[in-house]
Amino acid sequence: MLVVENDPFTLALVGEALGANDFSVTGVPTVPEAISTIESFSPHAIVTDLNFGHGAPTGADLLAHVDEHHPWIGKVVLTSHGSASLALPIGSQLTGDVTYLVKTQVSSISDLVSAVNESISGKNEVKVLEINTGEQIRISKAQGEILLLIAEGYTNSAIAKKRGATVRSTEALVQRTFTALGLGNDADFNPRTKAVRMWHQGKIVVK
């Protein structure tokens, strides 16, 4: 097993858990290191996060590389984001044969082990593990794009420039996004900070 995760605690935790279930595990914190490791380690499956920081290669980039050069390797995404659209740059998407697990919704290590075994056997056809999803907030694709850009630190004017829109229309869309998340006008809180926190906690999914 190759585990790709930029949070050291999660990387160690997942590696130890899989190791306790008789997997031989190697862990790396970046996509370039993962691609290099594949050549020497030859894993049966990969467990990867999606977002590795602003401007860095994503888990989707890694899985696309695997699809092209090592299609026999099983693919499991383990991420904190309820939807891939919230973790990947605009226009990027996952390949079709991946098991998608949300960290906050994985009830036990057996869920992860089952996903890994299914990926190795080739039985994972866009499987999304959904547990206790009732508390998640669903937003539109456009609102998801806005939230991702906010999470990456862009101002409203910068978001408008990236999306080819006016600042006024962007401000209106940002406000609608906050409203969809239940973040009203509260002088004591910054809605951008609260929205990003909800994004990181996997409380939001794109319709």
N, C-alpha and C. Protein backbone atom coordinates (compact mmCIF):
# COMPACT_ATOMS: atom_id res chain seq x y z
N MET A 1 0.83 -1.19 0.00
CA MET A 1 0.00 0.00 0.00
C MET A 1 0.87 1.25 0.00
N LEU A 2 0.48 2.22 -0.82
CA LEU A 2 1.13 3.53 -0.79
C LEU A 2 0.12 4.53 -0.27
N VAL A 3 0.44 5.22 0.82
CA VAL A 3 -0.43 6.23 1.40
C VAL A 3 0.17 7.59 1.12
N VAL A 4 -0.64 8.49 0.56
CA VAL A 4 -0.17 9.82 0.18
C VAL A 4 -1.00 10.85 0.95
N GLU A 5 -0.38 11.55 1.88
CA GLU A 5 -1.10 12.45 2.78
C GLU A 5 -0.12 13.48 3.33
N ASN A 6 -0.47 14.77 3.23
CA ASN A 6 0.48 15.80 3.67
C ASN A 6 0.36 16.16 5.15
N ASP A 7 -0.62 15.61 5.86
CA ASP A 7 -0.71 15.81 7.30
C ASP A 7 0.04 14.67 7.99
N PRO A 8 1.12 14.96 8.69
CA PRO A 8 1.95 13.90 9.28
C PRO A 8 1.18 12.97 10.22
N PHE A 9 0.27 13.53 11.03
CA PHE A 9 -0.47 12.70 11.97
C PHE A 9 -1.37 11.70 11.23
N THR A 10 -2.10 12.21 10.23
CA THR A 10 -2.99 11.33 9.46
C THR A 10 -2.19 10.29 8.69
N LEU A 11 -1.06 10.71 8.13
CA LEU A 11 -0.21 9.78 7.39
C LEU A 11 0.24 8.63 8.28
N ALA A 12 0.68 8.97 9.49
CA ALA A 12 1.14 7.94 10.42
C ALA A 12 -0.02 7.06 10.89
N LEU A 13 -1.16 7.68 11.16
CA LEU A 13 -2.32 6.94 11.66
C LEU A 13 -2.82 5.93 10.64
N VAL A 14 -2.99 6.38 9.40
CA VAL A 14 -3.48 5.50 8.34
C VAL A 14 -2.47 4.40 8.06
N GLY A 15 -1.20 4.76 8.04
CA GLY A 15 -0.17 3.77 7.79
C GLY A 15 -0.13 2.69 8.86
N GLU A 16 -0.24 3.10 10.13
CA GLU A 16 -0.22 2.14 11.23
C GLU A 16 -1.46 1.25 11.19
N ALA A 17 -2.61 1.85 10.88
CA ALA A 17 -3.85 1.08 10.84
C ALA A 17 -3.82 0.02 9.74
N LEU A 18 -3.34 0.40 8.57
CA LEU A 18 -3.24 -0.57 7.47
C LEU A 18 -2.17 -1.61 7.76
N GLY A 19 -1.08 -1.18 8.38
CA GLY A 19 -0.04 -2.13 8.74
C GLY A 19 -0.53 -3.17 9.72
N ALA A 20 -1.41 -2.74 10.65
CA ALA A 20 -1.97 -3.67 11.63
C ALA A 20 -2.91 -4.68 10.98
N ASN A 21 -3.33 -4.38 9.74
CA ASN A 21 -4.20 -5.30 9.00
C ASN A 21 -3.42 -6.04 7.91
N ASP A 22 -2.15 -6.23 8.17
CA ASP A 22 -1.28 -7.08 7.33
C ASP A 22 -0.94 -6.50 5.96
N PHE A 23 -1.04 -5.18 5.82
CA PHE A 23 -0.58 -4.55 4.59
C PHE A 23 0.85 -4.07 4.79
N SER A 24 1.66 -4.16 3.76
CA SER A 24 2.98 -3.54 3.76
C SER A 24 2.78 -2.11 3.26
N VAL A 25 3.15 -1.13 4.09
CA VAL A 25 2.77 0.26 3.81
C VAL A 25 3.98 1.17 3.69
N THR A 26 3.95 2.03 2.67
CA THR A 26 4.90 3.13 2.54
C THR A 26 4.09 4.41 2.46
N GLY A 27 4.51 5.44 3.20
CA GLY A 27 3.78 6.71 3.20
C GLY A 27 4.65 7.86 2.72
N VAL A 28 4.06 8.76 1.93
CA VAL A 28 4.78 9.95 1.45
C VAL A 28 3.84 11.15 1.54
N PRO A 29 4.39 12.38 1.66
CA PRO A 29 3.55 13.56 1.87
C PRO A 29 3.19 14.35 0.62
N THR A 30 3.75 14.03 -0.54
CA THR A 30 3.48 14.81 -1.75
C THR A 30 3.24 13.91 -2.96
N VAL A 31 2.60 14.48 -3.96
CA VAL A 31 2.33 13.74 -5.19
C VAL A 31 3.61 13.41 -5.96
N PRO A 32 4.56 14.35 -6.13
CA PRO A 32 5.80 13.99 -6.82
C PRO A 32 6.54 12.83 -6.15
N GLU A 33 6.57 12.82 -4.81
CA GLU A 33 7.21 11.72 -4.10
C GLU A 33 6.44 10.41 -4.33
N ALA A 34 5.12 10.51 -4.40
CA ALA A 34 4.31 9.31 -4.64
C ALA A 34 4.62 8.72 -6.00
N ILE A 35 4.68 9.58 -7.02
CA ILE A 35 4.96 9.09 -8.38
C ILE A 35 6.33 8.43 -8.43
N SER A 36 7.31 9.02 -7.76
CA SER A 36 8.65 8.43 -7.73
C SER A 36 8.65 7.10 -6.99
N THR A 37 7.89 7.04 -5.89
CA THR A 37 7.85 5.83 -5.06
C THR A 37 7.18 4.67 -5.78
N ILE A 38 6.18 4.97 -6.60
CA ILE A 38 5.46 3.91 -7.32
C ILE A 38 6.43 3.06 -8.13
N GLU A 39 7.42 3.70 -8.73
CA GLU A 39 8.35 2.99 -9.61
C GLU A 39 9.18 1.96 -8.85
N SER A 40 9.52 2.27 -7.58
CA SER A 40 10.37 1.36 -6.82
C SER A 40 9.58 0.44 -5.88
N PHE A 41 8.42 0.91 -5.43
CA PHE A 41 7.65 0.17 -4.43
C PHE A 41 6.60 -0.75 -5.05
N SER A 42 6.09 -0.38 -6.23
CA SER A 42 5.07 -1.17 -6.95
C SER A 42 3.90 -1.57 -6.05
N PRO A 43 3.13 -0.60 -5.55
CA PRO A 43 2.03 -0.92 -4.65
C PRO A 43 0.86 -1.59 -5.37
N HIS A 44 0.08 -2.35 -4.61
CA HIS A 44 -1.14 -2.93 -5.16
C HIS A 44 -2.26 -1.90 -5.18
N ALA A 45 -2.20 -0.92 -4.27
CA ALA A 45 -3.23 0.12 -4.21
C ALA A 45 -2.64 1.38 -3.61
N ILE A 46 -3.31 2.50 -3.89
CA ILE A 46 -2.91 3.81 -3.36
C ILE A 46 -4.07 4.40 -2.58
N VAL A 47 -3.78 4.93 -1.41
CA VAL A 47 -4.74 5.71 -0.64
C VAL A 47 -4.21 7.14 -0.62
N THR A 48 -4.97 8.07 -1.19
CA THR A 48 -4.45 9.43 -1.31
C THR A 48 -5.48 10.48 -0.91
N ASP A 49 -4.98 11.58 -0.36
CA ASP A 49 -5.80 12.76 -0.16
C ASP A 49 -5.92 13.48 -1.51
N LEU A 50 -6.69 14.55 -1.57
CA LEU A 50 -6.85 15.28 -2.82
C LEU A 50 -6.08 16.59 -2.84
N ASN A 51 -6.20 17.36 -1.76
CA ASN A 51 -5.64 18.71 -1.71
C ASN A 51 -4.31 18.69 -0.97
N PHE A 52 -3.23 19.09 -1.66
CA PHE A 52 -1.90 19.11 -1.04
C PHE A 52 -1.35 20.52 -0.94
N GLY A 53 -2.24 21.50 -0.93
CA GLY A 53 -1.82 22.89 -0.79
C GLY A 53 -1.93 23.65 -2.09
N HIS A 54 -2.02 24.96 -1.97
CA HIS A 54 -2.22 25.82 -3.14
C HIS A 54 -1.07 25.66 -4.13
N GLY A 55 -1.43 25.37 -5.37
CA GLY A 55 -0.45 25.27 -6.45
C GLY A 55 0.26 23.95 -6.55
N ALA A 56 0.08 23.07 -5.57
CA ALA A 56 0.76 21.77 -5.60
C ALA A 56 -0.03 20.77 -6.43
N PRO A 57 0.63 19.77 -7.01
CA PRO A 57 -0.10 18.70 -7.71
C PRO A 57 -1.12 18.06 -6.78
N THR A 58 -2.27 17.69 -7.32
CA THR A 58 -3.37 17.16 -6.52
C THR A 58 -3.44 15.64 -6.57
N GLY A 59 -4.31 15.11 -5.71
CA GLY A 59 -4.56 13.67 -5.75
C GLY A 59 -5.12 13.24 -7.09
N ALA A 60 -5.89 14.11 -7.74
CA ALA A 60 -6.43 13.79 -9.06
C ALA A 60 -5.30 13.67 -10.08
N ASP A 61 -4.27 14.51 -9.96
CA ASP A 61 -3.11 14.41 -10.85
C ASP A 61 -2.42 13.07 -10.65
N LEU A 62 -2.29 12.67 -9.39
CA LEU A 62 -1.65 11.38 -9.09
C LEU A 62 -2.44 10.22 -9.68
N LEU A 63 -3.76 10.24 -9.48
CA LEU A 63 -4.59 9.14 -9.97
C LEU A 63 -4.62 9.10 -11.50
N ALA A 64 -4.55 10.27 -12.14
CA ALA A 64 -4.49 10.30 -13.60
C ALA A 64 -3.18 9.67 -14.08
N HIS A 65 -2.10 9.95 -13.36
CA HIS A 65 -0.81 9.33 -13.70
C HIS A 65 -0.89 7.81 -13.54
N VAL A 66 -1.53 7.37 -12.47
CA VAL A 66 -1.67 5.94 -12.24
C VAL A 66 -2.50 5.31 -13.34
N ASP A 67 -3.60 5.96 -13.72
CA ASP A 67 -4.46 5.44 -14.79
C ASP A 67 -3.67 5.25 -16.09
N GLU A 68 -2.80 6.21 -16.38
CA GLU A 68 -2.07 6.17 -17.64
C GLU A 68 -0.92 5.17 -17.63
N HIS A 69 -0.21 5.09 -16.51
CA HIS A 69 1.02 4.30 -16.49
C HIS A 69 0.92 3.01 -15.67
N HIS A 70 -0.01 2.94 -14.72
CA HIS A 70 -0.13 1.76 -13.85
C HIS A 70 -1.61 1.44 -13.61
N PRO A 71 -2.38 1.16 -14.63
CA PRO A 71 -3.83 1.02 -14.49
C PRO A 71 -4.27 -0.14 -13.61
N TRP A 72 -3.38 -1.05 -13.28
CA TRP A 72 -3.73 -2.18 -12.44
C TRP A 72 -3.73 -1.83 -10.94
N ILE A 73 -3.20 -0.67 -10.58
CA ILE A 73 -3.13 -0.28 -9.17
C ILE A 73 -4.50 0.21 -8.71
N GLY A 74 -4.96 -0.28 -7.55
CA GLY A 74 -6.22 0.17 -6.98
C GLY A 74 -6.13 1.60 -6.47
N LYS A 75 -7.25 2.32 -6.50
CA LYS A 75 -7.23 3.74 -6.15
C LYS A 75 -8.32 4.05 -5.10
N VAL A 76 -7.88 4.61 -3.99
CA VAL A 76 -8.80 5.01 -2.91
C VAL A 76 -8.48 6.46 -2.53
N VAL A 77 -9.49 7.30 -2.51
CA VAL A 77 -9.35 8.67 -2.04
C VAL A 77 -9.84 8.72 -0.59
N LEU A 78 -9.01 9.29 0.27
CA LEU A 78 -9.39 9.50 1.67
C LEU A 78 -9.18 10.98 1.96
N THR A 79 -10.27 11.72 2.05
CA THR A 79 -10.20 13.17 2.14
C THR A 79 -11.19 13.72 3.14
N SER A 80 -10.99 14.95 3.54
CA SER A 80 -11.92 15.59 4.48
C SER A 80 -13.06 16.29 3.77
N HIS A 81 -13.04 16.31 2.44
CA HIS A 81 -14.02 17.08 1.68
C HIS A 81 -15.17 16.20 1.20
N GLY A 82 -16.38 16.67 1.45
CA GLY A 82 -17.56 15.90 1.08
C GLY A 82 -17.72 15.71 -0.41
N SER A 83 -17.14 16.58 -1.21
CA SER A 83 -17.18 16.47 -2.67
C SER A 83 -15.80 16.76 -3.23
N ALA A 84 -15.43 16.04 -4.27
CA ALA A 84 -14.14 16.28 -4.92
C ALA A 84 -14.06 17.70 -5.45
N SER A 85 -15.21 18.26 -5.85
CA SER A 85 -15.24 19.60 -6.40
C SER A 85 -14.77 20.65 -5.41
N LEU A 86 -14.85 20.32 -4.11
CA LEU A 86 -14.42 21.26 -3.08
C LEU A 86 -12.93 21.17 -2.79
N ALA A 87 -12.27 20.16 -3.31
CA ALA A 87 -10.85 19.97 -3.00
C ALA A 87 -9.95 20.16 -4.21
N LEU A 88 -10.53 20.12 -5.42
CA LEU A 88 -9.73 20.17 -6.63
C LEU A 88 -9.88 21.51 -7.35
N PRO A 89 -8.85 21.94 -8.06
CA PRO A 89 -8.95 23.18 -8.85
C PRO A 89 -10.08 23.08 -9.86
N ILE A 90 -10.62 24.22 -10.22
CA ILE A 90 -11.71 24.27 -11.18
C ILE A 90 -11.27 23.62 -12.50
N GLY A 91 -12.10 22.71 -13.00
CA GLY A 91 -11.79 22.01 -14.24
C GLY A 91 -11.12 20.67 -14.04
N SER A 92 -10.65 20.40 -12.82
CA SER A 92 -10.01 19.12 -12.52
C SER A 92 -11.06 18.15 -11.99
N GLN A 93 -10.89 16.86 -12.26
CA GLN A 93 -11.85 15.88 -11.78
C GLN A 93 -11.18 14.53 -11.58
N LEU A 94 -11.87 13.67 -10.84
CA LEU A 94 -11.34 12.34 -10.55
C LEU A 94 -11.60 11.39 -11.72
N THR A 95 -10.78 10.35 -11.79
CA THR A 95 -11.02 9.30 -12.76
C THR A 95 -12.21 8.46 -12.30
N GLY A 96 -12.73 7.62 -13.16
CA GLY A 96 -13.99 6.94 -12.88
C GLY A 96 -13.94 5.79 -11.91
N ASP A 97 -12.79 5.13 -11.76
CA ASP A 97 -12.75 3.92 -10.94
C ASP A 97 -12.02 4.16 -9.63
N VAL A 98 -12.60 4.93 -8.76
CA VAL A 98 -11.97 5.26 -7.49
C VAL A 98 -13.00 5.16 -6.37
N THR A 99 -12.58 4.66 -5.23
CA THR A 99 -13.44 4.66 -4.05
C THR A 99 -13.17 5.94 -3.28
N TYR A 100 -14.22 6.68 -2.99
CA TYR A 100 -14.11 8.00 -2.38
C TYR A 100 -14.60 7.93 -0.94
N LEU A 101 -13.70 8.14 0.01
CA LEU A 101 -14.03 8.09 1.42
C LEU A 101 -13.83 9.46 2.06
N VAL A 102 -14.79 9.88 2.86
CA VAL A 102 -14.68 11.14 3.61
C VAL A 102 -14.23 10.82 5.03
N LYS A 103 -13.14 11.42 5.45
CA LYS A 103 -12.52 11.08 6.73
C LYS A 103 -13.49 11.12 7.89
N THR A 104 -14.30 12.17 7.95
CA THR A 104 -15.19 12.33 9.10
C THR A 104 -16.34 11.33 9.08
N GLN A 105 -16.53 10.62 7.96
CA GLN A 105 -17.64 9.69 7.85
C GLN A 105 -17.20 8.23 7.88
N VAL A 106 -15.89 8.00 8.00
CA VAL A 106 -15.39 6.63 8.10
C VAL A 106 -15.53 6.20 9.56
N SER A 107 -16.38 5.24 9.81
CA SER A 107 -16.71 4.86 11.18
C SER A 107 -15.66 3.95 11.82
N SER A 108 -14.90 3.21 11.01
CA SER A 108 -13.89 2.31 11.56
C SER A 108 -12.84 2.01 10.50
N ILE A 109 -11.72 1.46 10.93
CA ILE A 109 -10.66 1.13 9.99
C ILE A 109 -11.12 0.05 9.02
N SER A 110 -12.12 -0.73 9.41
CA SER A 110 -12.61 -1.78 8.50
C SER A 110 -13.21 -1.18 7.23
N ASP A 111 -13.77 0.04 7.33
CA ASP A 111 -14.29 0.72 6.13
C ASP A 111 -13.16 0.97 5.14
N LEU A 112 -12.03 1.44 5.66
CA LEU A 112 -10.88 1.72 4.80
C LEU A 112 -10.30 0.43 4.24
N VAL A 113 -10.18 -0.59 5.09
CA VAL A 113 -9.63 -1.87 4.64
C VAL A 113 -10.50 -2.47 3.54
N SER A 114 -11.83 -2.39 3.71
CA SER A 114 -12.74 -2.91 2.69
C SER A 114 -12.58 -2.16 1.38
N ALA A 115 -12.44 -0.84 1.47
CA ALA A 115 -12.27 -0.03 0.27
C ALA A 115 -10.97 -0.40 -0.45
N VAL A 116 -9.92 -0.60 0.32
CA VAL A 116 -8.63 -0.99 -0.28
C VAL A 116 -8.74 -2.34 -0.97
N ASN A 117 -9.34 -3.31 -0.29
CA ASN A 117 -9.47 -4.64 -0.88
C ASN A 117 -10.31 -4.61 -2.15
N GLU A 118 -11.37 -3.81 -2.16
CA GLU A 118 -12.21 -3.71 -3.35
C GLU A 118 -11.44 -3.04 -4.49
N SER A 119 -10.63 -2.04 -4.15
CA SER A 119 -9.86 -1.37 -5.21
C SER A 119 -8.84 -2.33 -5.84
N ILE A 120 -8.26 -3.18 -5.01
CA ILE A 120 -7.28 -4.15 -5.52
C ILE A 120 -7.95 -5.19 -6.42
N SER A 121 -9.18 -5.59 -6.05
CA SER A 121 -9.89 -6.60 -6.82
C SER A 121 -10.58 -6.03 -8.05
N GLY A 122 -10.54 -4.68 -8.18
CA GLY A 122 -11.14 -4.05 -9.34
C GLY A 122 -12.64 -3.90 -9.27
N LYS A 123 -13.19 -3.93 -8.05
CA LYS A 123 -14.64 -3.85 -7.89
C LYS A 123 -15.11 -2.45 -7.51
N ASN A 124 -14.22 -1.48 -7.53
CA ASN A 124 -14.60 -0.13 -7.10
C ASN A 124 -14.95 0.74 -8.29
N GLU A 125 -16.21 0.87 -8.59
CA GLU A 125 -16.67 1.71 -9.69
C GLU A 125 -17.37 2.93 -9.12
N VAL A 126 -16.60 3.98 -8.92
CA VAL A 126 -17.09 5.25 -8.38
C VAL A 126 -17.91 5.00 -7.12
N LYS A 127 -17.35 4.29 -6.20
CA LYS A 127 -18.04 4.03 -4.94
C LYS A 127 -17.79 5.18 -3.98
N VAL A 128 -18.85 5.77 -3.46
CA VAL A 128 -18.73 6.83 -2.47
C VAL A 128 -19.32 6.33 -1.17
N LEU A 129 -18.50 6.26 -0.13
CA LEU A 129 -18.98 5.80 1.16
C LEU A 129 -19.70 6.95 1.84
N GLU A 130 -20.98 6.80 2.07
CA GLU A 130 -21.77 7.85 2.69
C GLU A 130 -22.31 7.37 4.03
N ILE A 131 -21.86 8.01 5.09
CA ILE A 131 -22.31 7.68 6.43
C ILE A 131 -22.68 8.97 7.14
N ASN A 132 -23.88 8.98 7.72
CA ASN A 132 -24.34 10.16 8.47
C ASN A 132 -24.23 11.44 7.65
N THR A 133 -24.75 11.41 6.42
CA THR A 133 -24.63 12.58 5.55
C THR A 133 -25.75 13.59 5.78
N GLY A 134 -26.67 13.31 6.68
CA GLY A 134 -27.80 14.20 6.89
C GLY A 134 -27.41 15.59 7.34
N GLU A 135 -26.27 15.73 8.01
CA GLU A 135 -25.86 17.02 8.52
C GLU A 135 -25.08 17.83 7.49
N GLN A 136 -24.80 17.25 6.33
CA GLN A 136 -24.04 17.98 5.32
C GLN A 136 -24.93 18.97 4.57
N ILE A 137 -24.33 20.07 4.19
CA ILE A 137 -25.03 21.13 3.46
C ILE A 137 -24.68 20.99 1.98
N ARG A 138 -25.70 20.98 1.13
CA ARG A 138 -25.48 20.85 -0.31
C ARG A 138 -25.51 22.23 -0.96
N ILE A 139 -24.50 22.50 -1.77
CA ILE A 139 -24.42 23.77 -2.47
C ILE A 139 -24.25 23.51 -3.96
N SER A 140 -24.46 24.54 -4.77
CA SER A 140 -24.35 24.39 -6.22
C SER A 140 -22.90 24.32 -6.65
N LYS A 141 -22.68 23.93 -7.90
CA LYS A 141 -21.33 23.85 -8.44
C LYS A 141 -20.66 25.21 -8.43
N ALA A 142 -21.40 26.26 -8.80
CA ALA A 142 -20.84 27.62 -8.80
C ALA A 142 -20.46 28.04 -7.40
N GLN A 143 -21.30 27.72 -6.42
CA GLN A 143 -20.98 28.05 -5.03
C GLN A 143 -19.78 27.24 -4.55
N GLY A 144 -19.64 26.00 -5.03
CA GLY A 144 -18.49 25.19 -4.69
C GLY A 144 -17.20 25.81 -5.22
N GLU A 145 -17.25 26.34 -6.45
CA GLU A 145 -16.08 26.99 -7.02
C GLU A 145 -15.71 28.22 -6.20
N ILE A 146 -16.71 28.97 -5.78
CA ILE A 146 -16.46 30.16 -4.97
C ILE A 146 -15.82 29.77 -3.64
N LEU A 147 -16.35 28.74 -3.01
CA LEU A 147 -15.83 28.30 -1.72
C LEU A 147 -14.39 27.81 -1.84
N LEU A 148 -14.09 27.08 -2.90
CA LEU A 148 -12.72 26.60 -3.11
C LEU A 148 -11.76 27.77 -3.26
N LEU A 149 -12.14 28.79 -4.01
CA LEU A 149 -11.28 29.95 -4.21
C LEU A 149 -11.12 30.75 -2.91
N ILE A 150 -12.18 30.85 -2.13
CA ILE A 150 -12.09 31.52 -0.83
C ILE A 150 -11.12 30.76 0.07
N ALA A 151 -11.23 29.42 0.05
CA ALA A 151 -10.35 28.60 0.88
C ALA A 151 -8.89 28.74 0.46
N GLU A 152 -8.66 29.05 -0.81
CA GLU A 152 -7.29 29.23 -1.29
C GLU A 152 -6.78 30.64 -1.03
N GLY A 153 -7.64 31.50 -0.43
CA GLY A 153 -7.20 32.83 0.00
C GLY A 153 -7.46 33.96 -0.96
N TYR A 154 -8.21 33.72 -2.03
CA TYR A 154 -8.47 34.77 -3.00
C TYR A 154 -9.49 35.79 -2.47
N THR A 155 -9.26 37.05 -2.79
CA THR A 155 -10.22 38.11 -2.47
C THR A 155 -11.35 38.08 -3.50
N ASN A 156 -12.41 38.83 -3.24
CA ASN A 156 -13.53 38.87 -4.19
C ASN A 156 -13.08 39.38 -5.55
N SER A 157 -12.23 40.39 -5.57
CA SER A 157 -11.77 40.93 -6.85
C SER A 157 -10.91 39.91 -7.60
N ALA A 158 -10.11 39.16 -6.87
CA ALA A 158 -9.28 38.13 -7.51
C ALA A 158 -10.15 36.98 -8.03
N ILE A 159 -11.19 36.64 -7.27
CA ILE A 159 -12.12 35.59 -7.71
C ILE A 159 -12.83 36.03 -8.99
N ALA A 160 -13.25 37.28 -9.02
CA ALA A 160 -13.92 37.81 -10.21
C ALA A 160 -13.01 37.71 -11.43
N LYS A 161 -11.74 38.03 -11.26
CA LYS A 161 -10.78 37.99 -12.37
C LYS A 161 -10.59 36.56 -12.86
N LYS A 162 -10.46 35.60 -11.91
CA LYS A 162 -10.24 34.20 -12.30
C LYS A 162 -11.46 33.63 -13.00
N ARG A 163 -12.66 34.07 -12.61
CA ARG A 163 -13.89 33.52 -13.20
C ARG A 163 -14.38 34.34 -14.39
N GLY A 164 -13.70 35.42 -14.72
CA GLY A 164 -14.12 36.25 -15.84
C GLY A 164 -15.44 36.94 -15.59
N ALA A 165 -15.68 37.34 -14.33
CA ALA A 165 -16.95 37.98 -13.95
C ALA A 165 -16.66 39.35 -13.36
N THR A 166 -17.72 40.12 -13.16
CA THR A 166 -17.56 41.43 -12.54
C THR A 166 -17.43 41.26 -11.03
N VAL A 167 -16.83 42.24 -10.39
CA VAL A 167 -16.67 42.20 -8.94
C VAL A 167 -18.05 42.22 -8.27
N ARG A 168 -18.96 42.99 -8.83
CA ARG A 168 -20.29 43.10 -8.23
C ARG A 168 -21.03 41.76 -8.26
N SER A 169 -21.00 41.07 -9.41
CA SER A 169 -21.68 39.78 -9.50
C SER A 169 -21.00 38.74 -8.62
N THR A 170 -19.68 38.85 -8.51
CA THR A 170 -18.94 37.92 -7.65
C THR A 170 -19.29 38.14 -6.19
N GLU A 171 -19.38 39.38 -5.78
CA GLU A 171 -19.76 39.69 -4.40
C GLU A 171 -21.14 39.12 -4.08
N ALA A 172 -22.04 39.22 -5.06
CA ALA A 172 -23.40 38.68 -4.86
C ALA A 172 -23.36 37.16 -4.73
N LEU A 173 -22.54 36.49 -5.55
CA LEU A 173 -22.43 35.04 -5.49
C LEU A 173 -21.77 34.59 -4.18
N VAL A 174 -20.78 35.33 -3.73
CA VAL A 174 -20.14 35.03 -2.45
C VAL A 174 -21.17 35.12 -1.33
N GLN A 175 -21.99 36.17 -1.37
CA GLN A 175 -22.99 36.34 -0.33
C GLN A 175 -24.03 35.22 -0.38
N ARG A 176 -24.44 34.80 -1.58
CA ARG A 176 -25.39 33.70 -1.71
C ARG A 176 -24.79 32.40 -1.18
N THR A 177 -23.49 32.24 -1.38
CA THR A 177 -22.80 31.05 -0.87
C THR A 177 -22.83 31.04 0.65
N PHE A 178 -22.55 32.19 1.25
CA PHE A 178 -22.60 32.27 2.72
C PHE A 178 -24.02 31.99 3.22
N THR A 179 -25.01 32.50 2.51
CA THR A 179 -26.41 32.27 2.91
C THR A 179 -26.75 30.79 2.83
N ALA A 180 -26.29 30.12 1.76
CA ALA A 180 -26.55 28.68 1.61
C ALA A 180 -25.92 27.89 2.74
N LEU A 181 -24.82 28.40 3.29
CA LEU A 181 -24.13 27.72 4.38
C LEU A 181 -24.69 28.10 5.74
N GLY A 182 -25.70 28.98 5.74
CA GLY A 182 -26.30 29.41 7.01
C GLY A 182 -25.47 30.43 7.75
N LEU A 183 -24.62 31.14 7.02
CA LEU A 183 -23.76 32.14 7.64
C LEU A 183 -24.32 33.52 7.35
N GLY A 184 -25.13 34.03 8.25
CA GLY A 184 -25.75 35.33 8.07
C GLY A 184 -24.81 36.45 8.45
N ASN A 185 -25.35 37.64 8.53
CA ASN A 185 -24.56 38.81 8.90
C ASN A 185 -24.39 38.85 10.41
N ASP A 186 -23.19 38.54 10.87
CA ASP A 186 -22.89 38.55 12.30
C ASP A 186 -21.59 39.31 12.48
N ALA A 187 -21.69 40.46 13.13
CA ALA A 187 -20.52 41.33 13.27
C ALA A 187 -19.41 40.69 14.10
N ASP A 188 -19.74 39.66 14.86
CA ASP A 188 -18.74 39.03 15.73
C ASP A 188 -17.94 37.93 15.03
N PHE A 189 -18.35 37.52 13.82
CA PHE A 189 -17.69 36.42 13.14
C PHE A 189 -17.38 36.79 11.69
N ASN A 190 -16.29 36.24 11.17
CA ASN A 190 -15.92 36.41 9.78
C ASN A 190 -16.49 35.24 8.98
N PRO A 191 -17.46 35.47 8.10
CA PRO A 191 -18.08 34.35 7.37
C PRO A 191 -17.10 33.59 6.48
N ARG A 192 -16.07 34.25 5.98
CA ARG A 192 -15.08 33.56 5.14
C ARG A 192 -14.34 32.51 5.96
N THR A 193 -13.96 32.88 7.17
CA THR A 193 -13.26 31.94 8.05
C THR A 193 -14.15 30.77 8.42
N LYS A 194 -15.40 31.05 8.76
CA LYS A 194 -16.33 29.99 9.14
C LYS A 194 -16.63 29.07 7.96
N ALA A 195 -16.76 29.65 6.77
CA ALA A 195 -17.04 28.84 5.58
C ALA A 195 -15.87 27.89 5.29
N VAL A 196 -14.65 28.40 5.39
CA VAL A 196 -13.47 27.56 5.14
C VAL A 196 -13.38 26.45 6.19
N ARG A 197 -13.72 26.77 7.44
CA ARG A 197 -13.70 25.75 8.49
C ARG A 197 -14.69 24.64 8.18
N MET A 198 -15.88 25.01 7.72
CA MET A 198 -16.88 24.01 7.35
C MET A 198 -16.38 23.17 6.18
N TRP A 199 -15.69 23.80 5.25
CA TRP A 199 -15.11 23.12 4.07
C TRP A 199 -14.09 22.09 4.52
N HIS A 200 -13.21 22.49 5.45
CA HIS A 200 -12.18 21.57 5.94
C HIS A 200 -12.78 20.42 6.74
N GLN A 201 -13.90 20.64 7.39
CA GLN A 201 -14.51 19.61 8.23
C GLN A 201 -15.40 18.65 7.44
N GLY A 202 -15.48 18.82 6.13
CA GLY A 202 -16.28 17.93 5.31
C GLY A 202 -17.78 18.07 5.50
N LYS A 203 -18.21 19.26 5.89
CA LYS A 203 -19.64 19.48 6.16
C LYS A 203 -20.41 19.95 4.93
N ILE A 204 -19.72 20.07 3.80
CA ILE A 204 -20.32 20.64 2.59
C ILE A 204 -20.12 19.69 1.43
N VAL A 205 -21.16 19.52 0.61
CA VAL A 205 -21.07 18.74 -0.62
C VAL A 205 -21.65 19.55 -1.76
N VAL A 206 -21.16 19.30 -2.96
CA VAL A 206 -21.67 19.96 -4.15
C VAL A 206 -22.77 19.11 -4.75
N LYS A 207 -23.88 19.73 -5.13
CA LYS A 207 -25.03 19.00 -5.69
C LYS A 207 -24.61 18.26 -6.96
